[in-house]
Amino acid sequence: MKEHFKHYLQKQIELSDDQFELISPEVLVKTIKKGTIVMQQNTIDDATYFVTKGLLRAYTIDEHGKEHIIQFAPENWWLNDKNSFYFGEPSLFFIE
């Protein structure tokens, strides 16, 4: 999976193998089962998710229990709650 991410980055920017090795320890690869919530609403987001295979979705649940999808993240896409990640604010949505 790291190789997939490496190839993605190399298509976006000029990145040598040595440079990738420098950032590689910061890249955590996880396999997540369908239906797993990786970020809860009202928590602080400490990660940015890159999808190598599958699909993530960000959504909220209103006071009536209805889900509202904010964004989908298909393969080779990024997803996080930017205000939570960068500013430490409670997340406005779930990521599944």
Protein backbone atom coordinates (compact mmCIF):
# COMPACT_ATOMS: atom_id res chain seq x y z
CA MET A 1 0.00 0.00 0.00
CA LYS A 2 2.88 2.40 0.68
CA GLU A 3 4.11 1.77 -2.85
CA HIS A 4 0.72 2.82 -4.20
CA PHE A 5 0.92 6.01 -2.17
CA LYS A 6 4.49 6.60 -3.31
CA HIS A 7 3.48 6.29 -6.98
CA TYR A 8 0.58 8.67 -6.39
CA LEU A 9 2.92 11.27 -4.88
CA GLN A 10 5.46 10.85 -7.66
CA LYS A 11 2.75 11.64 -10.21
CA GLN A 12 1.92 14.83 -8.33
CA ILE A 13 5.38 16.12 -7.43
CA GLU A 14 9.02 15.41 -8.11
CA LEU A 15 9.91 12.96 -5.34
CA SER A 16 12.97 10.74 -5.17
CA ASP A 17 13.08 7.36 -3.43
CA ASP A 18 15.30 8.90 -0.73
CA GLN A 19 12.82 11.70 -0.13
CA PHE A 20 9.97 9.21 0.17
CA GLU A 21 12.00 7.23 2.70
CA LEU A 22 12.22 10.39 4.82
CA ILE A 23 8.43 10.79 4.99
CA SER A 24 7.62 7.08 4.97
CA PRO A 25 7.72 6.67 8.79
CA GLU A 26 4.86 9.20 9.00
CA VAL A 27 2.66 7.13 6.68
CA LEU A 28 0.53 4.60 8.54
CA VAL A 29 -1.13 1.98 6.36
CA LYS A 30 -4.41 0.53 7.61
CA THR A 31 -6.88 -1.87 6.09
CA ILE A 32 -10.33 -0.83 7.20
CA LYS A 33 -13.40 -3.05 6.94
CA LYS A 34 -16.50 -1.67 5.26
CA GLY A 35 -18.74 0.10 7.77
CA THR A 36 -15.93 1.02 10.17
CA ILE A 37 -16.11 4.57 11.48
CA VAL A 38 -12.54 5.93 11.46
CA MET A 39 -13.49 9.33 12.87
CA GLN A 40 -16.35 10.22 15.18
CA GLN A 41 -18.27 13.49 15.13
CA ASN A 42 -17.25 15.87 17.96
CA THR A 43 -13.77 14.35 18.33
CA ILE A 44 -10.47 15.94 17.31
CA ASP A 45 -9.21 14.62 13.97
CA ASP A 46 -5.51 13.76 14.15
CA ALA A 47 -5.21 12.10 10.75
CA THR A 48 -5.64 12.67 7.05
CA TYR A 49 -6.92 9.67 5.15
CA PHE A 50 -5.70 8.68 1.68
CA VAL A 51 -7.78 6.03 -0.07
CA THR A 52 -5.76 3.44 -1.99
CA LYS A 53 -8.67 1.05 -2.51
CA GLY A 54 -12.36 1.45 -1.83
CA LEU A 55 -14.30 4.52 -0.77
CA LEU A 56 -14.62 6.69 2.34
CA ARG A 57 -17.51 8.99 3.12
CA ALA A 58 -17.90 11.96 5.42
CA TYR A 59 -21.38 12.52 6.85
CA THR A 60 -23.38 14.12 9.62
CA ILE A 61 -26.42 12.87 11.46
CA ASP A 62 -29.13 15.44 12.17
CA GLU A 63 -31.35 15.70 15.25
CA HIS A 64 -33.87 13.35 13.60
CA GLY A 65 -31.27 10.62 13.03
CA LYS A 66 -31.04 11.23 9.28
CA GLU A 67 -27.60 10.93 7.64
CA HIS A 68 -26.38 13.71 5.34
CA ILE A 69 -23.36 12.84 3.20
CA ILE A 70 -20.89 15.72 2.93
CA GLN A 71 -18.24 14.14 0.72
CA PHE A 72 -17.09 10.89 -0.85
CA ALA A 73 -13.40 10.02 -1.17
CA PRO A 74 -12.77 7.51 -3.97
CA GLU A 75 -9.45 5.79 -4.66
CA ASN A 76 -6.46 8.18 -4.85
CA TRP A 77 -8.33 10.85 -2.89
CA TRP A 78 -7.79 12.52 0.49
CA LEU A 79 -10.32 13.07 3.27
CA ASN A 80 -10.28 14.70 6.69
CA ASP A 81 -12.03 17.42 8.66
CA LYS A 82 -9.64 20.28 7.97
CA ASN A 83 -10.81 22.54 10.80
CA SER A 84 -10.44 19.70 13.27
CA PHE A 85 -7.09 18.54 11.91
CA TYR A 86 -5.43 21.96 11.55
CA PHE A 87 -7.11 23.96 14.33
CA GLY A 88 -7.99 21.30 16.90
CA GLU A 89 -11.73 21.95 16.66
CA PRO A 90 -14.22 19.13 17.30
CA SER A 91 -15.09 17.39 14.04
CA LEU A 92 -18.38 18.29 12.41
CA PHE A 93 -18.81 14.87 10.81
CA PHE A 94 -18.11 11.16 10.86
CA ILE A 95 -15.77 9.43 8.42
CA GLU A 96 -16.64 5.87 7.42
